[in-house]
Structures are given as C-alpha cells and as structure tokens.
N, C-alpha and C. Protein backbone atom coordinates (compact mmCIF):
# COMPACT_ATOMS: atom_id res chain seq x y z
N MET A 1 77.12 76.03 69.66
CA MET A 1 78.10 74.93 69.99
C MET A 1 78.27 73.75 68.83
N SER A 2 79.03 73.78 68.10
CA SER A 2 79.35 72.89 66.85
C SER A 2 79.10 70.94 67.84
N ARG A 3 78.57 69.99 67.23
CA ARG A 3 77.87 68.97 67.95
C ARG A 3 78.68 67.56 66.81
N SER A 4 78.58 66.89 67.28
CA SER A 4 78.78 65.48 66.64
C SER A 4 77.50 64.62 66.38
N ILE A 5 76.45 64.51 65.14
CA ILE A 5 75.82 63.60 65.41
C ILE A 5 75.28 62.29 64.50
N CYS A 6 75.40 61.67 65.39
CA CYS A 6 75.37 60.44 65.04
C CYS A 6 73.65 60.11 64.18
N VAL A 7 73.49 59.57 63.12
CA VAL A 7 72.23 59.26 62.17
C VAL A 7 72.38 58.14 62.05
N TYR A 8 71.32 56.95 62.60
CA TYR A 8 70.97 55.67 62.25
C TYR A 8 70.18 56.09 61.43
N SER A 9 70.22 55.06 60.44
CA SER A 9 68.89 54.98 59.15
C SER A 9 68.88 53.64 58.21
N SER A 10 67.94 53.73 57.29
CA SER A 10 68.28 52.72 55.97
C SER A 10 68.93 53.04 54.87
N SER A 11 69.53 52.12 54.89
CA SER A 11 70.09 51.96 53.64
C SER A 11 69.24 51.64 52.27
N SER A 12 68.16 51.28 52.19
CA SER A 12 67.18 51.12 51.05
C SER A 12 66.81 51.90 50.29
N GLN A 13 67.21 51.58 48.77
CA GLN A 13 66.78 52.12 47.34
C GLN A 13 65.17 52.31 47.09
N TRP A 14 64.48 51.55 48.09
CA TRP A 14 63.40 51.28 47.42
C TRP A 14 62.43 51.83 48.43
N LEU A 15 62.53 52.66 48.57
CA LEU A 15 61.29 53.97 49.22
C LEU A 15 60.99 55.00 48.80
N GLU A 16 59.93 55.35 49.26
CA GLU A 16 58.84 56.64 48.58
C GLU A 16 60.33 58.10 49.28
N GLN A 17 59.86 58.76 47.64
CA GLN A 17 60.87 59.74 47.79
C GLN A 17 60.40 60.61 48.83
N LYS A 18 59.51 60.74 49.62
CA LYS A 18 59.63 61.67 50.52
C LYS A 18 60.29 61.90 51.61
N TYR A 19 60.68 60.47 52.05
CA TYR A 19 61.78 59.75 52.89
C TYR A 19 63.09 60.63 52.64
N TYR A 20 63.78 60.14 51.54
CA TYR A 20 64.91 60.87 50.75
C TYR A 20 64.98 61.93 51.06
N ASP A 21 64.13 62.68 50.66
CA ASP A 21 63.76 64.29 51.00
C ASP A 21 63.80 64.96 52.18
N TYR A 22 63.41 64.11 52.90
CA TYR A 22 63.27 64.65 54.96
C TYR A 22 64.57 64.21 55.48
N ALA A 23 65.47 63.23 54.78
CA ALA A 23 66.61 62.83 55.16
C ALA A 23 67.85 63.73 54.59
N GLU A 24 67.73 64.23 53.67
CA GLU A 24 68.41 64.86 52.91
C GLU A 24 68.37 66.27 53.18
N GLU A 25 67.08 66.79 53.81
CA GLU A 25 66.65 67.85 54.64
C GLU A 25 67.77 67.81 55.91
N LEU A 26 67.31 66.81 57.03
CA LEU A 26 68.49 66.34 57.72
C LEU A 26 69.52 67.06 57.86
N GLY A 27 70.19 66.48 56.85
CA GLY A 27 71.55 66.94 56.46
C GLY A 27 72.20 68.00 56.43
N SER A 28 71.21 68.68 55.64
CA SER A 28 71.37 70.05 55.11
C SER A 28 71.05 71.04 56.71
N ARG A 29 70.65 70.55 57.38
CA ARG A 29 70.31 71.44 58.66
C ARG A 29 71.60 71.21 59.40
N ILE A 30 72.45 69.83 59.48
CA ILE A 30 72.96 69.61 60.11
C ILE A 30 74.44 70.33 59.71
N GLY A 31 74.69 70.42 58.26
CA GLY A 31 75.35 71.14 57.56
C GLY A 31 75.61 72.98 58.04
N LYS A 32 74.26 73.40 58.19
CA LYS A 32 74.06 74.93 58.27
C LYS A 32 74.23 75.14 59.10
N ASN A 33 74.25 74.13 60.54
CA ASN A 33 74.09 74.42 61.67
C ASN A 33 75.96 74.18 62.40
N GLY A 34 76.39 73.85 61.05
CA GLY A 34 78.40 73.61 62.01
C GLY A 34 78.58 72.32 62.43
N ASP A 35 77.49 71.58 62.35
CA ASP A 35 77.55 70.04 62.84
C ASP A 35 77.88 69.45 61.80
N THR A 36 78.69 68.05 62.81
CA THR A 36 79.57 66.90 62.13
C THR A 36 78.45 65.64 62.00
N LEU A 37 78.17 65.34 60.82
CA LEU A 37 77.58 63.92 60.22
C LEU A 37 78.46 62.80 60.96
N VAL A 38 77.63 61.97 61.33
CA VAL A 38 78.84 60.90 61.68
C VAL A 38 77.45 59.78 61.66
N PHE A 39 77.48 58.89 60.51
CA PHE A 39 77.00 57.77 60.17
C PHE A 39 77.60 56.39 59.54
N GLY A 40 77.01 55.35 59.13
CA GLY A 40 77.08 54.11 58.57
C GLY A 40 77.88 54.29 57.67
N ALA A 41 77.70 55.48 57.08
CA ALA A 41 79.13 55.50 55.85
C ALA A 41 78.36 54.93 54.59
N GLY A 42 77.09 54.92 54.54
CA GLY A 42 76.45 54.30 53.29
C GLY A 42 76.36 54.88 52.11
N SER A 43 75.85 54.99 50.88
CA SER A 43 75.80 55.84 50.18
C SER A 43 74.59 55.82 49.46
N LYS A 44 73.68 54.43 49.86
CA LYS A 44 72.18 54.68 49.46
C LYS A 44 71.59 54.82 50.24
N GLY A 45 70.39 55.27 50.01
CA GLY A 45 68.96 55.05 50.85
C GLY A 45 68.87 56.15 51.81
N LEU A 46 68.86 56.28 52.83
CA LEU A 46 68.50 57.46 53.68
C LEU A 46 70.15 57.48 54.11
N MET A 47 71.08 56.70 54.31
CA MET A 47 72.21 57.21 54.62
C MET A 47 72.66 58.16 53.58
N GLY A 48 72.67 57.97 51.90
CA GLY A 48 73.48 58.46 51.11
C GLY A 48 72.52 60.12 51.12
N ALA A 49 71.48 60.30 51.54
CA ALA A 49 70.56 61.28 51.55
C ALA A 49 70.84 62.08 52.50
N THR A 50 71.45 61.69 53.55
CA THR A 50 71.46 62.49 54.68
C THR A 50 72.80 63.12 54.63
N ALA A 51 73.87 62.15 53.84
CA ALA A 51 75.12 62.37 53.90
C ALA A 51 75.54 63.77 52.64
N ARG A 52 75.08 63.39 51.88
CA ARG A 52 74.87 64.51 50.35
C ARG A 52 74.17 65.85 51.16
N GLY A 53 73.16 65.58 51.64
CA GLY A 53 72.54 67.14 52.19
C GLY A 53 73.82 67.97 53.09
N ALA A 54 74.42 66.76 54.12
CA ALA A 54 75.10 67.66 55.03
C ALA A 54 76.44 67.82 54.37
N LYS A 55 76.80 67.55 53.40
CA LYS A 55 78.24 67.62 52.58
C LYS A 55 77.48 69.06 51.59
N ALA A 56 76.39 69.12 51.46
CA ALA A 56 76.60 70.04 50.00
C ALA A 56 76.42 71.66 51.25
N PHE A 57 76.19 71.51 52.37
CA PHE A 57 76.23 72.57 53.59
C PHE A 57 77.55 72.49 54.07
N GLY A 58 78.53 71.80 53.83
CA GLY A 58 79.96 71.96 54.51
C GLY A 58 80.15 70.97 56.03
N ALA A 59 79.25 70.51 56.06
CA ALA A 59 79.54 69.70 57.18
C ALA A 59 80.47 68.36 56.54
N LYS A 60 81.63 68.10 57.97
CA LYS A 60 82.49 67.38 58.36
C LYS A 60 81.50 65.87 58.33
N VAL A 61 81.52 65.12 57.25
CA VAL A 61 81.29 63.70 57.42
C VAL A 61 82.15 62.32 57.24
N ILE A 62 82.03 61.76 58.70
CA ILE A 62 82.33 60.83 59.30
C ILE A 62 81.89 59.47 58.98
N GLY A 63 82.16 58.42 58.06
CA GLY A 63 81.53 57.11 58.01
C GLY A 63 82.25 56.05 58.28
N VAL A 64 81.19 55.39 59.07
CA VAL A 64 82.00 53.77 59.80
C VAL A 64 81.53 52.82 59.17
N ILE A 65 82.02 52.18 58.38
CA ILE A 65 81.72 50.51 57.90
C ILE A 65 82.32 49.46 58.19
N PRO A 66 81.64 48.36 58.40
CA PRO A 66 82.28 47.43 58.44
C PRO A 66 82.86 46.86 57.20
N GLU A 67 83.85 45.89 57.48
CA GLU A 67 84.36 45.22 56.45
C GLU A 67 83.77 44.78 55.47
N ALA A 68 82.66 43.78 56.04
CA ALA A 68 82.03 42.93 54.80
C ALA A 68 81.07 43.88 53.75
N LEU A 69 80.66 45.22 54.69
CA LEU A 69 80.25 46.05 53.92
C LEU A 69 81.20 47.09 52.94
N ASN A 70 82.32 47.36 53.22
CA ASN A 70 83.45 47.89 52.45
C ASN A 70 83.44 47.43 51.31
N LEU A 71 82.21 47.48 49.82
CA LEU A 71 82.96 47.01 48.66
C LEU A 71 82.51 47.86 48.01
N PRO A 72 82.97 47.96 46.40
CA PRO A 72 83.07 49.14 45.73
C PRO A 72 81.60 49.42 45.40
N GLY A 73 81.61 51.11 45.64
CA GLY A 73 80.25 51.57 45.35
C GLY A 73 79.00 51.45 46.96
N VAL A 74 79.83 51.10 47.53
CA VAL A 74 79.05 51.28 48.86
C VAL A 74 79.08 52.34 49.75
N PRO A 75 80.34 52.29 50.14
CA PRO A 75 80.42 53.59 50.86
C PRO A 75 80.31 54.77 50.39
N PHE A 76 80.13 55.73 50.83
CA PHE A 76 80.05 57.42 50.11
C PHE A 76 81.49 57.65 50.14
N GLU A 77 81.26 58.41 48.85
CA GLU A 77 82.53 58.37 48.47
C GLU A 77 83.40 59.87 48.89
N GLU A 78 82.24 60.87 49.39
CA GLU A 78 82.93 61.93 50.03
C GLU A 78 83.13 62.14 51.40
N CYS A 79 83.22 60.76 52.06
CA CYS A 79 83.29 61.26 53.56
C CYS A 79 84.86 61.63 53.59
N ASP A 80 84.38 62.90 55.01
CA ASP A 80 85.85 63.15 55.29
C ASP A 80 86.95 62.42 55.85
N GLU A 81 86.37 61.24 56.71
CA GLU A 81 86.66 60.42 57.31
C GLU A 81 86.02 59.36 57.29
N LEU A 82 86.58 57.76 56.81
CA LEU A 82 85.88 56.76 56.48
C LEU A 82 86.80 55.77 57.10
N THR A 83 86.03 54.81 58.56
CA THR A 83 86.64 53.76 59.34
C THR A 83 86.41 52.47 58.87
N VAL A 84 86.84 51.97 58.63
CA VAL A 84 86.83 50.55 58.05
C VAL A 84 86.69 49.47 59.85
N THR A 85 85.66 48.55 60.02
CA THR A 85 85.95 48.19 61.55
C THR A 85 85.62 46.88 60.94
N PRO A 86 86.37 45.77 62.06
CA PRO A 86 86.13 44.61 61.56
C PRO A 86 84.51 43.48 61.87
N ASP A 87 83.84 44.17 62.31
CA ASP A 87 82.67 43.83 62.52
C ASP A 87 81.76 44.97 62.72
N MET A 88 80.27 44.10 62.63
CA MET A 88 79.18 45.16 62.90
C MET A 88 79.13 45.73 64.76
N ARG A 89 79.65 45.00 65.77
CA ARG A 89 79.63 45.19 66.88
C ARG A 89 80.82 46.53 67.28
N SER A 90 81.81 46.24 66.47
CA SER A 90 82.96 47.52 66.29
C SER A 90 82.74 48.64 65.99
N ARG A 91 81.19 48.42 64.80
CA ARG A 91 80.81 49.87 63.96
C ARG A 91 80.29 50.80 65.21
N LYS A 92 79.02 49.74 65.61
CA LYS A 92 78.31 50.69 66.43
C LYS A 92 78.64 50.94 67.34
N LYS A 93 79.97 50.45 68.27
CA LYS A 93 80.53 51.49 69.21
C LYS A 93 81.07 52.22 68.79
N LEU A 94 82.15 52.52 67.45
CA LEU A 94 82.58 53.61 67.44
C LEU A 94 81.29 54.84 67.05
N LEU A 95 80.40 54.49 66.19
CA LEU A 95 79.22 55.35 65.81
C LEU A 95 79.23 55.90 67.69
N ASP A 96 78.62 55.12 68.46
CA ASP A 96 77.92 55.63 69.57
C ASP A 96 79.57 56.53 70.33
N GLU A 97 80.30 56.47 70.35
CA GLU A 97 81.44 56.53 71.02
C GLU A 97 82.02 58.02 70.02
N SER A 98 81.98 58.24 68.72
CA SER A 98 81.92 59.68 67.94
C SER A 98 81.13 60.60 68.23
N ALA A 99 80.17 60.28 68.96
CA ALA A 99 78.62 60.99 68.49
C ALA A 99 78.57 61.72 69.94
N ASP A 100 78.17 62.97 69.83
CA ASP A 100 77.10 63.80 70.98
C ASP A 100 75.97 63.26 71.27
N VAL A 101 75.40 63.18 69.62
CA VAL A 101 73.69 63.18 69.82
C VAL A 101 73.44 61.98 69.07
N LEU A 102 72.80 61.23 69.15
CA LEU A 102 72.22 60.05 68.36
C LEU A 102 70.62 60.49 68.01
N VAL A 103 70.60 60.04 66.91
CA VAL A 103 69.25 60.39 66.07
C VAL A 103 69.24 59.10 65.39
N ALA A 104 67.71 58.76 65.24
CA ALA A 104 67.30 57.39 64.80
C ALA A 104 66.42 58.31 63.34
N LEU A 105 66.51 57.95 62.43
CA LEU A 105 65.63 58.37 61.36
C LEU A 105 65.28 57.05 61.08
N PRO A 106 63.87 56.80 60.29
CA PRO A 106 63.38 55.63 59.59
C PRO A 106 64.32 54.63 59.14
N GLY A 107 64.24 53.29 59.73
CA GLY A 107 65.28 52.46 59.09
C GLY A 107 64.60 51.11 59.55
N GLY A 108 65.16 50.28 59.05
CA GLY A 108 65.24 48.66 59.06
C GLY A 108 65.73 47.71 60.11
N PHE A 109 65.86 46.95 60.21
CA PHE A 109 66.41 46.15 61.50
C PHE A 109 67.54 46.71 62.39
N GLY A 110 68.69 46.73 61.44
CA GLY A 110 69.85 47.21 61.61
C GLY A 110 69.65 48.79 62.64
N THR A 111 68.50 49.74 62.13
CA THR A 111 68.68 50.81 63.02
C THR A 111 67.78 50.38 63.97
N LEU A 112 66.66 49.44 64.16
CA LEU A 112 65.74 49.54 65.28
C LEU A 112 67.13 48.53 66.17
N GLU A 113 67.66 47.98 65.64
CA GLU A 113 68.68 47.45 67.11
C GLU A 113 69.71 48.55 67.47
N GLU A 114 70.19 49.52 66.58
CA GLU A 114 70.92 50.56 67.18
C GLU A 114 70.45 51.26 68.24
N LEU A 115 69.01 51.74 67.35
CA LEU A 115 67.91 52.53 68.47
C LEU A 115 67.82 52.43 69.82
N LEU A 116 67.57 50.40 69.97
CA LEU A 116 67.18 49.72 71.20
C LEU A 116 68.18 50.05 72.27
N GLU A 117 69.40 49.89 71.64
CA GLU A 117 70.77 49.68 72.01
C GLU A 117 71.28 50.88 73.02
N VAL A 118 71.13 51.94 72.43
CA VAL A 118 71.36 53.68 73.03
C VAL A 118 69.61 54.05 73.83
N ILE A 119 68.88 53.21 73.26
CA ILE A 119 68.06 53.43 74.47
C ILE A 119 68.54 52.58 76.01
N THR A 120 68.66 51.80 75.43
CA THR A 120 69.25 50.84 76.92
C THR A 120 70.28 50.98 77.54
N SER A 121 71.18 51.05 76.79
CA SER A 121 72.81 51.96 77.84
C SER A 121 72.28 53.03 78.26
N LYS A 122 71.79 54.15 77.51
CA LYS A 122 71.26 55.36 78.49
C LYS A 122 70.36 54.89 79.88
N GLN A 123 69.55 54.15 79.94
CA GLN A 123 68.87 53.53 81.20
C GLN A 123 69.59 52.88 81.89
N LEU A 124 70.48 52.38 81.45
CA LEU A 124 71.67 51.67 82.54
C LEU A 124 72.54 52.75 83.16
N GLY A 125 72.90 53.88 82.28
CA GLY A 125 73.48 54.78 83.13
C GLY A 125 74.95 54.83 82.24
N TYR A 126 75.18 54.17 81.36
CA TYR A 126 76.41 53.83 80.60
C TYR A 126 76.85 55.29 79.56
N HIS A 127 75.78 56.18 79.07
CA HIS A 127 75.91 57.16 78.57
C HIS A 127 74.29 58.52 78.97
N SER A 128 74.68 59.84 78.61
CA SER A 128 73.74 60.78 79.13
C SER A 128 73.36 61.71 77.84
N LYS A 129 73.74 60.83 76.79
CA LYS A 129 73.40 61.49 75.37
C LYS A 129 71.91 61.48 74.64
N PRO A 130 71.72 63.12 74.70
CA PRO A 130 70.22 62.99 73.90
C PRO A 130 70.04 61.79 72.62
N ILE A 131 68.91 61.47 72.87
CA ILE A 131 68.49 60.55 71.48
C ILE A 131 67.42 61.10 71.35
N VAL A 132 67.10 61.11 69.93
CA VAL A 132 65.80 61.78 69.09
C VAL A 132 65.53 60.89 68.28
N ILE A 133 64.28 60.35 67.73
CA ILE A 133 63.44 59.53 67.46
C ILE A 133 63.02 60.36 66.43
N LEU A 134 63.45 60.60 65.17
CA LEU A 134 62.29 61.44 64.10
C LEU A 134 61.72 60.38 63.57
N ASN A 135 60.25 60.92 63.42
CA ASN A 135 59.41 59.99 63.29
C ASN A 135 58.69 60.67 61.94
N PRO A 136 59.24 60.88 60.57
CA PRO A 136 58.09 61.33 59.85
C PRO A 136 57.52 60.32 59.04
N PHE A 137 56.02 61.07 58.91
CA PHE A 137 55.02 60.43 58.24
C PHE A 137 54.63 59.16 59.06
N GLY A 138 54.93 59.76 60.60
CA GLY A 138 54.60 57.85 61.23
C GLY A 138 55.04 56.80 61.50
N TYR A 139 55.90 56.79 60.38
CA TYR A 139 56.88 55.55 60.66
C TYR A 139 56.87 55.19 61.73
N TYR A 140 57.57 55.58 63.31
CA TYR A 140 57.62 54.78 64.28
C TYR A 140 56.31 54.75 65.05
N ASP A 141 55.11 54.84 64.49
CA ASP A 141 54.12 55.26 65.35
C ASP A 141 53.41 53.83 66.26
N ALA A 142 53.63 52.70 65.14
CA ALA A 142 54.12 51.53 65.52
C ALA A 142 54.92 51.01 67.07
N LEU A 143 56.14 51.26 66.54
CA LEU A 143 57.32 50.94 68.23
C LEU A 143 56.60 51.79 68.97
N LEU A 144 56.61 52.93 68.80
CA LEU A 144 56.08 53.53 69.97
C LEU A 144 54.77 53.20 70.76
N GLU A 145 54.07 52.80 69.82
CA GLU A 145 52.64 52.08 70.52
C GLU A 145 53.03 50.73 71.07
N GLN A 146 54.17 49.81 70.68
CA GLN A 146 54.81 48.97 71.83
C GLN A 146 55.43 49.50 72.91
N PHE A 147 56.04 50.39 72.99
CA PHE A 147 56.78 50.99 74.14
C PHE A 147 55.54 51.61 75.15
N GLU A 148 54.69 51.94 74.96
CA GLU A 148 53.78 52.29 75.28
C GLU A 148 52.69 51.24 76.09
N HIS A 149 52.86 50.34 75.81
CA HIS A 149 52.27 49.08 75.73
C HIS A 149 52.85 48.08 77.06
N SER A 150 54.78 48.66 77.06
CA SER A 150 55.61 48.13 77.77
C SER A 150 55.15 48.26 79.40
N PHE A 151 55.06 50.28 78.93
CA PHE A 151 54.88 50.70 80.21
C PHE A 151 53.45 50.56 80.76
N GLU A 152 52.44 50.60 79.84
CA GLU A 152 51.46 50.23 80.60
C GLU A 152 51.03 48.60 81.26
N LEU A 153 52.09 47.84 81.01
CA LEU A 153 52.07 46.20 81.46
C LEU A 153 53.25 46.34 82.39
N ASN A 154 53.69 47.44 82.99
CA ASN A 154 55.25 47.40 83.79
C ASN A 154 56.36 46.56 83.74
N PHE A 155 56.64 46.48 81.93
CA PHE A 155 57.73 45.94 81.92
C PHE A 155 59.00 46.96 81.31
N ALA A 156 58.50 48.12 81.28
CA ALA A 156 59.29 48.62 81.58
C ALA A 156 58.84 50.19 82.32
N ASP A 157 59.81 51.19 82.93
CA ASP A 157 59.12 52.12 83.56
C ASP A 157 58.50 53.34 83.16
N ARG A 158 57.69 53.69 83.13
CA ARG A 158 57.16 55.03 82.40
C ARG A 158 58.43 55.94 82.23
N SER A 159 59.20 56.11 83.59
CA SER A 159 60.33 57.16 83.72
C SER A 159 60.79 57.04 82.60
N TYR A 160 61.32 56.00 81.77
CA TYR A 160 61.93 55.82 80.88
C TYR A 160 62.01 56.54 79.39
N SER A 161 60.48 56.94 79.87
CA SER A 161 60.21 57.66 78.23
C SER A 161 60.85 58.96 78.12
N LYS A 162 61.62 59.44 79.24
CA LYS A 162 61.99 60.65 79.49
C LYS A 162 63.55 60.55 78.62
N LEU A 163 63.73 58.74 78.63
CA LEU A 163 65.59 58.63 77.85
C LEU A 163 65.36 59.36 76.69
N TYR A 164 64.36 59.28 75.62
CA TYR A 164 64.27 59.73 74.11
C TYR A 164 63.07 60.84 73.62
N TYR A 165 64.09 61.26 73.07
CA TYR A 165 62.21 62.60 72.20
C TYR A 165 62.21 62.07 70.96
N VAL A 166 60.80 62.28 70.90
CA VAL A 166 60.10 61.76 69.59
C VAL A 166 60.06 63.03 69.22
N THR A 167 59.98 63.19 67.76
CA THR A 167 59.42 64.28 66.89
C THR A 167 59.16 64.07 65.00
N ASP A 168 58.91 64.91 64.21
CA ASP A 168 58.41 64.35 63.48
C ASP A 168 59.27 65.51 62.48
N ASP A 169 59.48 66.96 63.18
CA ASP A 169 60.40 68.03 63.35
C ASP A 169 61.13 68.08 63.26
N ILE A 170 62.20 68.76 62.10
CA ILE A 170 63.60 68.85 61.97
C ILE A 170 63.74 70.03 62.71
N ASP A 171 63.17 71.11 62.57
CA ASP A 171 63.55 72.48 63.81
C ASP A 171 63.15 71.89 65.14
N ASP A 172 62.39 71.41 65.13
CA ASP A 172 61.62 71.11 66.90
C ASP A 172 62.80 70.00 67.14
N MET A 173 63.82 69.15 66.85
CA MET A 173 64.77 68.38 67.18
C MET A 173 65.98 69.21 67.74
N PHE A 174 66.27 70.09 66.96
CA PHE A 174 67.51 71.46 67.01
C PHE A 174 67.14 72.23 68.16
N ARG A 175 65.77 72.26 68.55
CA ARG A 175 65.46 73.37 69.34
C ARG A 175 65.85 72.35 70.86
N PHE A 176 65.21 71.32 70.61
CA PHE A 176 65.42 70.34 72.20
C PHE A 176 67.18 70.18 71.96
N LEU A 177 67.62 70.12 71.08
CA LEU A 177 69.39 69.91 71.64
C LEU A 177 70.00 71.12 71.94
N GLU A 178 69.37 71.94 71.39
CA GLU A 178 70.16 73.09 72.13
C GLU A 178 69.44 73.60 73.95
N GLY A 179 68.18 73.01 74.14
CA GLY A 179 67.98 72.99 75.56
C GLY A 179 68.63 71.93 76.12
N TYR A 180 68.98 70.88 75.86
CA TYR A 180 69.49 69.34 76.46
C TYR A 180 70.98 69.77 77.47
N ASN A 181 70.90 69.49 78.06
CA ASN A 181 71.70 69.43 79.50
C ASN A 181 73.18 68.46 79.14
N PHE A 182 73.66 68.79 78.41
CA PHE A 182 75.00 68.29 77.83
C PHE A 182 75.82 67.68 79.34
N THR A 183 76.03 67.96 80.29
CA THR A 183 76.89 68.07 81.37
C THR A 183 76.37 67.08 82.35
N ALA A 184 75.20 67.04 82.24
CA ALA A 184 74.32 65.43 83.18
C ALA A 184 75.51 64.39 83.32
N ARG A 185 75.42 64.16 84.61
CA ARG A 185 76.97 63.12 84.76
C ARG A 185 76.76 61.75 84.05
N SER A 186 75.15 61.28 84.23
CA SER A 186 74.52 60.06 84.07
C SER A 186 72.69 60.25 83.74
N ALA A 187 72.49 59.22 82.90
CA ALA A 187 70.93 59.03 82.70
C ALA A 187 70.63 58.22 83.86
N LYS A 188 71.72 57.14 84.28
CA LYS A 188 71.11 56.63 85.26
C LYS A 188 70.72 57.41 86.63
N GLU A 189 71.80 58.23 86.83
CA GLU A 189 71.42 59.35 88.33
C GLU A 189 70.42 60.58 87.83
N LYS A 190 69.98 60.87 86.76
CA LYS A 190 68.98 61.69 86.42
C LYS A 190 67.85 60.94 86.81
N TYR A 191 67.40 59.88 86.11
CA TYR A 191 66.24 59.57 86.14
C TYR A 191 65.42 58.39 87.51
N GLU A 192 66.66 57.59 88.02
CA GLU A 192 66.16 57.16 88.87
C GLU A 192 65.39 57.65 90.28
N HIS A 193 65.84 58.99 90.47
CA HIS A 193 65.39 59.65 91.20
C HIS A 193 64.03 60.45 91.41
N GLU A 194 63.66 60.38 90.18
CA GLU A 194 62.46 60.88 89.85
C GLU A 194 61.38 60.36 90.31
C-alpha cells in the first residue's frame, strides 16, 4: 500500500554527518517502498538529505514552504509539487493533511512544535494517523524522559504513550506501519476506553 509520509526535521547544516546519512537512508526507504515524501521543502539539513534520498529512488516529493522562506536556494529544487503558504500555521496544516503518516527526525524548535502538535491533536481525536519518533543516536532521549516525568506526575495519562511509536531503526518503523490500523475511526475513541 502506497502511503504519503510527512517527515518533520532539521534544516541545520551544522550537524554531525551521521544524522544526514540517517535522514538520507529514511528517504531512500520511502522511495524504495513506493511511498510519497511530504516535507517542509527545504534543500538544506536533514530536510534536504531526506528529499535527496527519496528522489534518488523514485519517490514523489511534495514540499510545503511558507512565503517567508521561499527564497533563492532555500526550497528543494526537485520537488514534484511545491506549495507556498502565507504563514507557518497554514504550512503545518497542509503538511499534516497531505500525509497518511507523521514522522519526526531529529530537529530543533520547529520540529518539536510540529511533533507535539500532532501528538496533542491525536490525543484529542482530531486524527488517528500513526506518529513515529525516529530517535537515532539517542537524540530524543531527553524529550522522552520529560514525557515519562509527565506520566509519573499525572500531568499526562500514561495511556497517551500509545499515541506515538519510538524507534531508532528505520526497518522497524516500516514494520510498525505495516501492522498499523489505518481504518481506526479516531484516536480518542481508541484510547479513552483502555
């Protein structure tokens, strides 16, 4: 089954090479699987690495970029579709709506915002899409510790840990997606009775 996979990630050019290699491998797997990449349209950082990997293996690449960032050299030039939005809010909305799967690679404030928003939206039942936190090299360990802290102190119900899937293994991510119930009516119905 072909899927549209939205990948949130860093646009930084100052990371260790291993992060770019990992992002490119993710993109390659998206292409090899016949899936579509939906992403923030950047040509730099993990964004660009993922897009290059996907494009190299024949994936359709859909970019969504806010007008303020649509500057020469910023968008990935080989996007099959490039949509320019008026602002960041409309960009995030279009990214989320265009995808069947939501994936977070390592990233900064923007990636964290996107990840937490889609987890919260799923918690409230606005969507039931799979959310995958890819955690190579332990990048998200501190965030996951904060999640655990929230569960322990009852700021968040522990059942909400089922809203997302954490792995550092790209093969494992695709196995998880193969077994995911994409026909579930809503996350709210699925989790509130457990």
